[in-house]
Structures are given as structure tokens and as C-alpha cells.
C-alpha atoms as a PDB file:
ATOM      1  CA  MET A   1      -0.076  -0.183  -0.157  1.00  0.00           C
ATOM      2  CA  GLU A   2       1.802   3.353  -1.274  1.00  0.00           C
ATOM      3  CA  GLN A   3       1.460   6.301   1.310  1.00  0.00           C
ATOM      4  CA  THR A   4       1.107   9.905   0.373  1.00  0.00           C
ATOM      5  CA  ARG A   5       2.656  12.199   2.922  1.00  0.00           C
ATOM      6  CA  LEU A   6       0.709  15.079   3.577  1.00  0.00           C
ATOM      7  CA  ASN A   7       1.623  18.309   1.969  1.00  0.00           C
ATOM      8  CA  ALA A   8       0.507  21.693   1.002  1.00  0.00           C
ATOM      9  CA  TYR A   9      -0.301  20.329  -2.313  1.00  0.00           C
ATOM     10  CA  HIS A  10      -2.558  17.392  -0.944  1.00  0.00           C
ATOM     11  CA  ILE A  11      -4.355  19.226   1.761  1.00  0.00           C
ATOM     12  CA  MET A  12      -7.543  21.082   0.420  1.00  0.00           C
ATOM     13  CA  TRP A  13      -9.743  24.058   1.793  1.00  0.00           C
ATOM     14  CA  LEU A  14     -13.218  24.244   0.508  1.00  0.00           C
ATOM     15  CA  PHE A  15     -15.152  27.663   0.197  1.00  0.00           C
ATOM     16  CA  VAL A  16     -18.915  27.584  -0.097  1.00  0.00           C
ATOM     17  CA  PHE A  17     -20.305  31.053  -1.508  1.00  0.00           C
ATOM     18  CA  PHE A  18     -24.143  31.699  -1.367  1.00  0.00           C
ATOM     19  CA  ASP A  19     -26.657  34.013  -1.794  1.00  0.00           C
ATOM     20  CA  LEU A  20     -30.126  32.701  -0.831  1.00  0.00           C
ATOM     21  CA  PRO A  21     -33.269  34.498  -0.586  1.00  0.00           C
ATOM     22  CA  VAL A  22     -34.643  35.510   2.373  1.00  0.00           C
ATOM     23  CA  THR A  23     -38.088  37.127   1.668  1.00  0.00           C
ATOM     24  CA  THR A  24     -40.649  34.489   2.806  1.00  0.00           C
ATOM     25  CA  LYS A  25     -40.576  32.710   6.186  1.00  0.00           C
ATOM     26  CA  LYS A  26     -39.894  29.590   4.472  1.00  0.00           C
ATOM     27  CA  GLU A  27     -36.986  31.114   2.618  1.00  0.00           C
ATOM     28  CA  ARG A  28     -35.440  32.623   5.852  1.00  0.00           C
ATOM     29  CA  LYS A  29     -35.901  29.081   7.354  1.00  0.00           C
ATOM     30  CA  ASP A  30     -34.246  27.282   4.274  1.00  0.00           C
ATOM     31  CA  ALA A  31     -31.213  29.614   4.559  1.00  0.00           C
ATOM     32  CA  SER A  32     -30.808  29.461   8.018  1.00  0.00           C
ATOM     33  CA  ARG A  33     -31.266  25.510   7.816  1.00  0.00           C
ATOM     34  CA  PHE A  34     -28.298  25.610   5.234  1.00  0.00           C
ATOM     35  CA  ARG A  35     -25.957  27.720   7.543  1.00  0.00           C
ATOM     36  CA  LYS A  36     -26.771  24.946  10.518  1.00  0.00           C
ATOM     37  CA  ASP A  37     -25.950  22.202   7.935  1.00  0.00           C
ATOM     38  CA  LEU A  38     -22.538  23.872   6.965  1.00  0.00           C
ATOM     39  CA  LEU A  39     -21.937  24.390  10.438  1.00  0.00           C
ATOM     40  CA  ASN A  40     -22.544  20.657  11.108  1.00  0.00           C
ATOM     41  CA  ASP A  41     -20.250  19.366   8.758  1.00  0.00           C
ATOM     42  CA  GLY A  42     -17.414  21.400   9.925  1.00  0.00           C
ATOM     43  CA  PHE A  43     -17.349  24.637   8.096  1.00  0.00           C
ATOM     44  CA  SER A  44     -16.632  27.732   9.662  1.00  0.00           C
ATOM     45  CA  MET A  45     -18.171  30.824   8.854  1.00  0.00           C
ATOM     46  CA  MET A  46     -15.687  33.480   7.206  1.00  0.00           C
ATOM     47  CA  GLN A  47     -18.106  35.877   6.020  1.00  0.00           C
ATOM     48  CA  PHE A  48     -21.987  36.032   6.453  1.00  0.00           C
ATOM     49  CA  SER A  49     -22.389  33.976   3.204  1.00  0.00           C
ATOM     50  CA  VAL A  50     -19.021  32.738   2.564  1.00  0.00           C
ATOM     51  CA  TYR A  51     -17.571  29.538   4.914  1.00  0.00           C
ATOM     52  CA  ASN A  52     -14.625  27.590   4.618  1.00  0.00           C
ATOM     53  CA  ARG A  53     -13.542  24.260   5.618  1.00  0.00           C
ATOM     54  CA  HIS A  54     -10.240  22.157   6.051  1.00  0.00           C
ATOM     55  CA  CYS A  55      -9.931  18.961   4.495  1.00  0.00           C
ATOM     56  CA  ALA A  56      -7.142  16.671   4.896  1.00  0.00           C
ATOM     57  CA  SER A  57      -6.999  15.236   1.078  1.00  0.00           C
ATOM     58  CA  LYS A  58      -8.822  15.841  -2.338  1.00  0.00           C
ATOM     59  CA  GLU A  59     -11.110  12.413  -1.550  1.00  0.00           C
ATOM     60  CA  SER A  60     -12.329  14.172   1.734  1.00  0.00           C
ATOM     61  CA  ALA A  61     -13.086  17.340   0.064  1.00  0.00           C
ATOM     62  CA  ASN A  62     -14.886  15.484  -2.826  1.00  0.00           C
ATOM     63  CA  VAL A  63     -17.011  13.884   0.424  1.00  0.00           C
ATOM     64  CA  HIS A  64     -17.874  17.156   1.708  1.00  0.00           C
ATOM     65  CA  ILE A  65     -18.844  18.562  -1.759  1.00  0.00           C
ATOM     66  CA  ASN A  66     -21.327  15.985  -1.930  1.00  0.00           C
ATOM     67  CA  ARG A  67     -22.724  16.781   1.388  1.00  0.00           C
ATOM     68  CA  VAL A  68     -22.878  20.435   0.280  1.00  0.00           C
ATOM     69  CA  LYS A  69     -25.105  19.409  -2.648  1.00  0.00           C
ATOM     70  CA  ALA A  70     -27.434  17.265  -0.821  1.00  0.00           C
ATOM     71  CA  PHE A  71     -28.439  20.171   1.536  1.00  0.00           C
ATOM     72  CA  VAL A  72     -28.505  23.223  -0.961  1.00  0.00           C
ATOM     73  CA  PRO A  73     -31.766  24.834  -0.875  1.00  0.00           C
ATOM     74  CA  GLU A  74     -34.432  24.647  -3.890  1.00  0.00           C
ATOM     75  CA  LYS A  75     -33.904  28.572  -4.335  1.00  0.00           C
ATOM     76  CA  GLY A  76     -30.682  30.629  -4.702  1.00  0.00           C
ATOM     77  CA  GLN A  77     -27.153  30.250  -6.042  1.00  0.00           C
ATOM     78  CA  VAL A  78     -24.608  27.892  -4.099  1.00  0.00           C
ATOM     79  CA  SER A  79     -20.715  27.896  -5.361  1.00  0.00           C
ATOM     80  CA  ILE A  80     -18.123  25.530  -4.293  1.00  0.00           C
ATOM     81  CA  LEU A  81     -14.342  26.759  -4.587  1.00  0.00           C
ATOM     82  CA  ALA A  82     -11.742  24.005  -3.735  1.00  0.00           C
ATOM     83  CA  VAL A  83      -8.127  25.274  -3.401  1.00  0.00           C
ATOM     84  CA  THR A  84      -5.369  23.606  -2.052  1.00  0.00           C
ATOM     85  CA  ASP A  85      -3.470  24.676   1.409  1.00  0.00           C
ATOM     86  CA  LYS A  86      -0.384  26.138  -0.784  1.00  0.00           C
ATOM     87  CA  GLN A  87      -3.043  28.244  -2.440  1.00  0.00           C
ATOM     88  CA  TYR A  88      -5.118  29.203   1.056  1.00  0.00           C
ATOM     89  CA  GLY A  89      -1.594  30.384   2.555  1.00  0.00           C
ATOM     90  CA  ASN A  90      -1.041  33.173   0.055  1.00  0.00           C
ATOM     91  CA  ILE A  91      -4.547  34.613   1.410  1.00  0.00           C
ATOM     92  CA  THR A  92      -4.392  38.129   2.912  1.00  0.00           C
ATOM     93  CA  ASN A  93      -7.170  39.244   5.071  1.00  0.00           C
ATOM     94  CA  PHE A  94      -7.983  42.595   6.677  1.00  0.00           C
ATOM     95  CA  TRP A  95      -9.695  43.923   9.564  1.00  0.00           C
ATOM     96  CA  GLY A  96     -10.463  47.537   9.118  1.00  0.00           C
ATOM     97  CA  LYS A  97      -7.184  49.070   7.237  1.00  0.00           C
ATOM     98  CA  LYS A  98      -4.645  46.434   9.451  1.00  0.00           C
ATOM     99  CA  SER A  99      -3.973  43.155   7.952  1.00  0.00           C
ATOM    100  CA  LYS A 100      -3.714  40.102  10.261  1.00  0.00           C
ATOM    101  CA  PRO A 101      -1.633  36.629   9.578  1.00  0.00           C
ATOM    102  CA  LEU A 102      -3.803  33.792   8.407  1.00  0.00           C
ATOM    103  CA  PRO A 103      -4.171  31.833  11.695  1.00  0.00           C
ATOM    104  CA  GLU A 104      -2.096  28.305  11.292  1.00  0.00           C
ATOM    105  CA  GLY A 105      -4.040  25.536   9.650  1.00  0.00           C
ATOM    106  CA  PRO A 106      -5.094  22.521  11.892  1.00  0.00           C
ATOM    107  CA  ARG A 107      -2.217  20.194  12.835  1.00  0.00           C
ATOM    108  CA  GLN A 108      -2.365  16.722  11.242  1.00  0.00           C
ATOM    109  CA  LEU A 109      -0.917  13.741  13.415  1.00  0.00           C
ATOM    110  CA  GLU A 110       0.868  11.266  11.200  1.00  0.00           C
ATOM    111  CA  MET A 111       0.583   7.828  12.452  1.00  0.00           C
ATOM    112  CA  PHE A 112       3.343   6.466  10.087  1.00  0.00           C
END
């Protein structure tokens, strides 16, 4: 069995961007349910309609992409972007006029 060491090109980050209607009570409930489903699947809110999640591999990312597809509401737009850890490391975040460094990603335990 061939083992692949974790590196910045195998580790993935998923971003879910969405614009959901919230005009009716049902639409608000659906949008709220979608956000809760994302959180329950391990996503973190980056901005109100942008969530992200760390995945140890492309295969893991595909599992989570399929989960998101399963709970997309009937109305609105949802986009999913997968980037490598290496690409994600180039992000620059601003809070006001000051830039903050990206928090260190989750530590991975390597058994072998």
C-alpha cells in the first residue's frame, strides 16, 4: 500500500459561497437550515455568506462537496471552490485597514 505524505499540495480547503433568498418565512428557514448544515459538517463562517473548511485530502474534500450538494436549498445560488493548502496560504485578510496574518491551519497527526 503506497502512502502519500500530507503536504500543502494534497491538503484542501473548501469555500462555499452562497446567495439565498430570504423574502418569505420559508426562505429564511431554508437559509438558516443551510448555514446550520454547513456548521454541522465542520465548516466555519468566514463572512455571512462565505464558509470554509479544511480537508486532509482531495478525497475528503469530495465527500464534503457531495454533502453540501445534498443540502442546497431549492432556491438561490451556491458555489463551491476547492483550493490547495499552498494556494490558501497566499490569502491576505484585512480587518479595517490593518492586515492580520492567516491563523495556522489545523495540525495533522501522522501515524506512520
